[in-house]
N, C-alpha and C. Protein backbone atom coordinates (compact mmCIF):
# COMPACT_ATOMS: atom_id res chain seq x y z
N MET A 1 132.30 219.16 113.52
CA MET A 1 131.20 220.07 113.69
C MET A 1 131.52 220.99 114.87
N THR A 2 131.37 222.28 114.68
CA THR A 2 131.62 223.24 115.74
C THR A 2 130.30 223.69 116.35
N LEU A 3 130.20 223.53 117.65
CA LEU A 3 128.98 223.87 118.37
C LEU A 3 129.25 224.94 119.42
N ARG A 4 128.29 225.80 119.60
CA ARG A 4 128.43 226.89 120.56
C ARG A 4 128.74 226.37 121.97
N SER A 5 128.07 225.33 122.42
CA SER A 5 128.22 224.84 123.79
C SER A 5 129.40 223.90 124.00
N PHE A 6 129.90 223.28 122.95
CA PHE A 6 130.92 222.25 123.11
C PHE A 6 132.20 222.48 122.31
N GLY A 7 132.20 223.38 121.37
CA GLY A 7 133.37 223.59 120.53
C GLY A 7 133.36 222.67 119.33
N GLN A 8 134.55 222.38 118.80
CA GLN A 8 134.67 221.55 117.60
C GLN A 8 134.74 220.09 118.00
N ILE A 9 133.58 219.45 118.05
CA ILE A 9 133.49 218.07 118.52
C ILE A 9 133.82 217.07 117.41
N MET A 10 134.23 215.89 117.84
CA MET A 10 134.49 214.78 116.94
C MET A 10 133.17 214.01 116.72
N PRO A 11 133.05 213.24 115.63
CA PRO A 11 131.83 212.49 115.38
C PRO A 11 131.42 211.59 116.55
N LEU A 12 132.38 210.93 117.19
CA LEU A 12 132.03 210.07 118.33
C LEU A 12 131.45 210.88 119.48
N GLN A 13 131.97 212.07 119.70
CA GLN A 13 131.44 212.93 120.75
C GLN A 13 130.01 213.37 120.41
N GLY A 14 129.80 213.72 119.15
CA GLY A 14 128.46 214.08 118.71
C GLY A 14 127.49 212.93 118.87
N GLY A 15 127.92 211.73 118.49
CA GLY A 15 127.08 210.55 118.66
C GLY A 15 126.69 210.33 120.11
N MET A 16 127.64 210.52 121.00
CA MET A 16 127.36 210.33 122.42
C MET A 16 126.43 211.43 122.95
N LEU A 17 126.60 212.65 122.49
CA LEU A 17 125.69 213.72 122.92
C LEU A 17 124.27 213.45 122.43
N PHE A 18 124.12 213.01 121.19
CA PHE A 18 122.80 212.63 120.70
C PHE A 18 122.24 211.48 121.53
N LEU A 19 123.05 210.46 121.79
CA LEU A 19 122.59 209.32 122.59
C LEU A 19 122.18 209.76 123.99
N ALA A 20 122.81 210.80 124.50
CA ALA A 20 122.47 211.34 125.82
C ALA A 20 121.22 212.21 125.79
N GLY A 21 120.62 212.37 124.61
CA GLY A 21 119.38 213.12 124.51
C GLY A 21 119.53 214.55 124.05
N TYR A 22 120.72 214.92 123.65
CA TYR A 22 120.95 216.27 123.15
C TYR A 22 120.50 216.36 121.70
N GLY A 23 120.05 217.55 121.31
CA GLY A 23 119.64 217.78 119.95
C GLY A 23 119.70 219.25 119.63
N SER A 24 119.45 219.57 118.39
CA SER A 24 119.49 220.95 117.92
C SER A 24 118.25 221.70 118.39
N PRO A 25 118.45 222.91 118.93
CA PRO A 25 117.27 223.74 119.21
C PRO A 25 116.55 224.04 117.90
N GLU A 26 115.25 224.09 117.95
CA GLU A 26 114.45 224.30 116.74
C GLU A 26 114.94 225.47 115.91
N GLU A 27 115.25 226.58 116.55
CA GLU A 27 115.61 227.78 115.83
C GLU A 27 117.08 227.86 115.46
N ASP A 28 117.87 226.91 115.91
CA ASP A 28 119.32 227.05 115.79
C ASP A 28 119.95 226.15 114.73
N GLY A 29 119.22 225.24 114.16
CA GLY A 29 119.84 224.30 113.23
C GLY A 29 120.81 223.40 113.98
N VAL A 30 122.02 223.25 113.45
CA VAL A 30 123.01 222.39 114.11
C VAL A 30 124.20 223.17 114.64
N ARG A 31 124.01 224.44 114.94
CA ARG A 31 125.11 225.22 115.50
C ARG A 31 125.30 224.99 116.98
N ASP A 32 124.35 224.29 117.59
CA ASP A 32 124.46 223.98 119.00
C ASP A 32 123.64 222.73 119.30
N LEU A 33 123.96 222.10 120.39
CA LEU A 33 123.17 220.97 120.89
C LEU A 33 122.79 221.28 122.33
N VAL A 34 121.54 221.03 122.67
CA VAL A 34 121.05 221.21 124.03
C VAL A 34 120.29 219.95 124.44
N ARG A 35 120.22 219.71 125.74
CA ARG A 35 119.48 218.55 126.25
C ARG A 35 118.00 218.80 125.99
N GLN A 36 117.36 217.90 125.30
CA GLN A 36 115.95 218.01 124.98
C GLN A 36 115.11 217.65 126.20
N ILE A 37 113.86 218.10 126.21
CA ILE A 37 112.96 217.83 127.33
C ILE A 37 111.88 216.83 126.93
N ASP A 38 111.39 216.95 125.73
CA ASP A 38 110.30 216.12 125.23
C ASP A 38 110.80 214.70 124.93
N ASP A 39 110.13 213.69 125.49
CA ASP A 39 110.55 212.30 125.30
C ASP A 39 110.69 211.93 123.82
N GLU A 40 109.76 212.39 123.00
CA GLU A 40 109.80 212.04 121.58
C GLU A 40 111.09 212.56 120.92
N LYS A 41 111.47 213.78 121.24
CA LYS A 41 112.70 214.36 120.67
C LYS A 41 113.94 213.67 121.25
N ILE A 42 113.88 213.35 122.53
CA ILE A 42 115.01 212.65 123.14
C ILE A 42 115.23 211.31 122.45
N ILE A 43 114.16 210.55 122.25
CA ILE A 43 114.25 209.23 121.61
C ILE A 43 114.76 209.38 120.18
N GLU A 44 114.26 210.37 119.47
CA GLU A 44 114.72 210.62 118.10
C GLU A 44 116.24 210.88 118.09
N ASN A 45 116.71 211.68 119.03
CA ASN A 45 118.14 211.98 119.12
C ASN A 45 118.93 210.74 119.53
N MET A 46 118.39 209.95 120.45
CA MET A 46 119.07 208.72 120.86
C MET A 46 119.26 207.78 119.67
N LYS A 47 118.24 207.68 118.84
CA LYS A 47 118.34 206.82 117.65
C LYS A 47 119.42 207.32 116.70
N GLU A 48 119.49 208.65 116.52
CA GLU A 48 120.52 209.23 115.66
C GLU A 48 121.91 208.99 116.26
N GLY A 49 122.03 209.14 117.57
CA GLY A 49 123.31 208.90 118.23
C GLY A 49 123.77 207.47 118.07
N ARG A 50 122.86 206.53 118.25
CA ARG A 50 123.21 205.12 118.08
C ARG A 50 123.66 204.85 116.65
N ARG A 51 122.95 205.43 115.67
CA ARG A 51 123.31 205.24 114.27
C ARG A 51 124.72 205.76 114.00
N ILE A 52 125.03 206.94 114.50
CA ILE A 52 126.37 207.51 114.32
C ILE A 52 127.43 206.62 114.96
N LEU A 53 127.18 206.20 116.19
CA LEU A 53 128.16 205.39 116.91
C LEU A 53 128.39 204.04 116.22
N GLN A 54 127.32 203.42 115.74
CA GLN A 54 127.45 202.16 115.02
C GLN A 54 128.27 202.35 113.74
N LYS A 55 127.99 203.42 113.03
CA LYS A 55 128.68 203.67 111.76
C LYS A 55 130.18 203.88 111.99
N VAL A 56 130.53 204.66 113.01
CA VAL A 56 131.94 204.98 113.25
C VAL A 56 132.70 203.80 113.85
N THR A 57 132.06 203.05 114.75
CA THR A 57 132.78 201.99 115.47
C THR A 57 132.56 200.59 114.93
N THR A 58 131.50 200.36 114.20
CA THR A 58 131.03 199.04 113.76
C THR A 58 130.66 198.14 114.93
N HIS A 59 130.38 198.71 116.09
CA HIS A 59 129.89 197.98 117.26
C HIS A 59 128.47 198.45 117.55
N ASP A 60 127.78 197.72 118.42
CA ASP A 60 126.44 198.13 118.82
C ASP A 60 126.19 197.76 120.28
N PHE A 61 125.98 198.77 121.07
CA PHE A 61 125.64 198.59 122.48
C PHE A 61 124.22 199.10 122.74
N GLY A 62 123.41 199.08 121.72
CA GLY A 62 122.03 199.53 121.85
C GLY A 62 121.97 200.99 122.27
N TYR A 63 121.05 201.28 123.18
CA TYR A 63 120.88 202.64 123.67
C TYR A 63 121.54 202.83 125.03
N SER A 64 122.36 201.89 125.43
CA SER A 64 123.02 201.97 126.73
C SER A 64 124.14 203.01 126.72
N LEU A 65 123.85 204.17 127.27
CA LEU A 65 124.85 205.23 127.35
C LEU A 65 126.05 204.76 128.17
N HIS A 66 125.79 204.02 129.22
CA HIS A 66 126.85 203.49 130.09
C HIS A 66 127.79 202.57 129.31
N ASP A 67 127.23 201.63 128.56
CA ASP A 67 128.05 200.67 127.81
C ASP A 67 128.85 201.36 126.71
N TRP A 68 128.21 202.28 126.00
CA TRP A 68 128.93 203.02 124.95
C TRP A 68 130.07 203.84 125.56
N HIS A 69 129.79 204.53 126.65
CA HIS A 69 130.79 205.37 127.31
C HIS A 69 132.00 204.53 127.73
N ASN A 70 131.73 203.40 128.39
CA ASN A 70 132.83 202.53 128.84
C ASN A 70 133.63 201.98 127.66
N PHE A 71 132.93 201.58 126.61
CA PHE A 71 133.62 201.06 125.43
C PHE A 71 134.54 202.13 124.84
N LEU A 72 134.02 203.32 124.63
CA LEU A 72 134.79 204.37 123.96
C LEU A 72 135.98 204.83 124.80
N ILE A 73 135.83 204.84 126.09
CA ILE A 73 136.95 205.23 126.96
C ILE A 73 138.07 204.19 126.91
N ASN A 74 137.70 202.93 126.84
CA ASN A 74 138.67 201.84 126.94
C ASN A 74 139.18 201.30 125.62
N ASP A 75 138.54 201.66 124.51
CA ASP A 75 138.94 201.14 123.21
C ASP A 75 140.12 201.93 122.65
N LYS A 76 141.22 201.26 122.37
CA LYS A 76 142.43 201.95 121.90
C LYS A 76 142.21 202.70 120.60
N LYS A 77 141.40 202.15 119.73
CA LYS A 77 141.17 202.78 118.43
C LYS A 77 140.35 204.06 118.54
N HIS A 78 139.39 204.10 119.47
CA HIS A 78 138.43 205.20 119.52
C HIS A 78 138.60 206.16 120.70
N SER A 79 139.31 205.78 121.72
CA SER A 79 139.36 206.61 122.93
C SER A 79 139.95 207.99 122.68
N GLY A 80 140.95 208.10 121.84
CA GLY A 80 141.56 209.40 121.57
C GLY A 80 140.60 210.38 120.92
N HIS A 81 139.73 209.87 120.05
CA HIS A 81 138.74 210.73 119.41
C HIS A 81 137.62 211.09 120.39
N TYR A 82 137.21 210.11 121.19
CA TYR A 82 136.14 210.36 122.15
C TYR A 82 136.58 211.33 123.24
N MET A 83 137.80 211.17 123.71
CA MET A 83 138.29 212.01 124.81
C MET A 83 139.21 213.12 124.32
N ARG A 84 138.93 213.66 123.15
CA ARG A 84 139.73 214.75 122.57
C ARG A 84 139.83 215.89 123.58
N ALA A 85 141.05 216.25 123.92
CA ALA A 85 141.33 217.17 125.03
C ALA A 85 140.59 218.51 124.91
N SER A 86 140.52 219.08 123.73
CA SER A 86 139.95 220.42 123.60
C SER A 86 138.44 220.47 123.84
N THR A 87 137.75 219.35 123.73
CA THR A 87 136.30 219.34 123.90
C THR A 87 135.81 218.34 124.94
N TRP A 88 136.72 217.57 125.50
CA TRP A 88 136.34 216.47 126.38
C TRP A 88 135.60 216.94 127.63
N ALA A 89 136.02 218.02 128.26
CA ALA A 89 135.41 218.44 129.52
C ALA A 89 133.90 218.64 129.38
N GLY A 90 133.47 219.32 128.34
CA GLY A 90 132.05 219.56 128.14
C GLY A 90 131.28 218.29 127.80
N VAL A 91 131.86 217.47 126.92
CA VAL A 91 131.20 216.22 126.53
C VAL A 91 131.12 215.29 127.74
N GLU A 92 132.20 215.17 128.48
CA GLU A 92 132.21 214.30 129.66
C GLU A 92 131.17 214.76 130.67
N ARG A 93 131.09 216.05 130.92
CA ARG A 93 130.13 216.60 131.87
C ARG A 93 128.69 216.25 131.44
N ALA A 94 128.39 216.42 130.15
CA ALA A 94 127.05 216.13 129.65
C ALA A 94 126.72 214.64 129.75
N VAL A 95 127.66 213.78 129.37
CA VAL A 95 127.42 212.33 129.41
C VAL A 95 127.27 211.87 130.86
N LYS A 96 128.13 212.32 131.75
CA LYS A 96 128.04 211.89 133.15
C LYS A 96 126.77 212.40 133.82
N ALA A 97 126.33 213.58 133.46
CA ALA A 97 125.06 214.09 134.00
C ALA A 97 123.91 213.19 133.56
N GLU A 98 123.93 212.78 132.30
CA GLU A 98 122.86 211.91 131.81
C GLU A 98 122.96 210.52 132.43
N LEU A 99 124.16 210.04 132.68
CA LEU A 99 124.31 208.74 133.34
C LEU A 99 123.71 208.76 134.75
N ARG A 100 123.69 209.92 135.38
CA ARG A 100 123.10 210.06 136.73
C ARG A 100 121.60 210.33 136.68
N ASN A 101 121.06 210.54 135.51
CA ASN A 101 119.64 210.85 135.35
C ASN A 101 118.80 209.65 135.79
N PRO A 102 117.96 209.81 136.82
CA PRO A 102 117.15 208.68 137.29
C PRO A 102 116.15 208.18 136.25
N ASP A 103 115.90 208.98 135.22
CA ASP A 103 114.96 208.61 134.16
C ASP A 103 115.64 207.89 133.00
N ARG A 104 116.95 207.73 133.05
CA ARG A 104 117.71 207.17 131.92
C ARG A 104 117.26 205.77 131.54
N ALA A 105 117.07 204.89 132.51
CA ALA A 105 116.67 203.51 132.21
C ALA A 105 115.33 203.47 131.48
N ARG A 106 114.39 204.33 131.89
CA ARG A 106 113.09 204.38 131.22
C ARG A 106 113.24 204.85 129.78
N LEU A 107 114.08 205.85 129.56
CA LEU A 107 114.30 206.36 128.20
C LEU A 107 114.95 205.30 127.30
N GLU A 108 115.91 204.56 127.83
CA GLU A 108 116.56 203.51 127.05
C GLU A 108 115.57 202.41 126.70
N ALA A 109 114.72 202.04 127.66
CA ALA A 109 113.70 201.01 127.40
C ALA A 109 112.69 201.51 126.37
N LEU A 110 112.31 202.76 126.47
CA LEU A 110 111.38 203.34 125.52
C LEU A 110 111.97 203.37 124.11
N ALA A 111 113.24 203.72 124.01
CA ALA A 111 113.91 203.75 122.70
C ALA A 111 113.95 202.34 122.09
N ASP A 112 114.15 201.34 122.93
CA ASP A 112 114.17 199.95 122.44
C ASP A 112 112.83 199.52 121.89
N GLN A 113 111.76 200.07 122.45
CA GLN A 113 110.39 199.69 122.02
C GLN A 113 109.97 200.39 120.74
N MET A 114 110.58 201.52 120.44
CA MET A 114 110.13 202.32 119.28
C MET A 114 110.88 201.95 118.02
């Protein structure tokens, strides 16, 4: 999938961006992903991200962005796709920003409840 903000991302990268709360702007379809503001949309995107990641990896780390990130970086089978050189800088920046989000734990707990 080619996105305006990230380039031609791999499915694992897309899954992680969704898990980080990114989603399609209402007017844009899927040509771009932006960090959502509304909790309901963030949770919806997190659920989609988890579904994608489970499908591609056959693993499940729930909604833990930290656990998924560490797994994908260290897994020999998936790390090359996750850290694809041409798009990694943008994806890494987005994931690390969300990992520093003080609201992340609340969002993960909320996603678990829904």
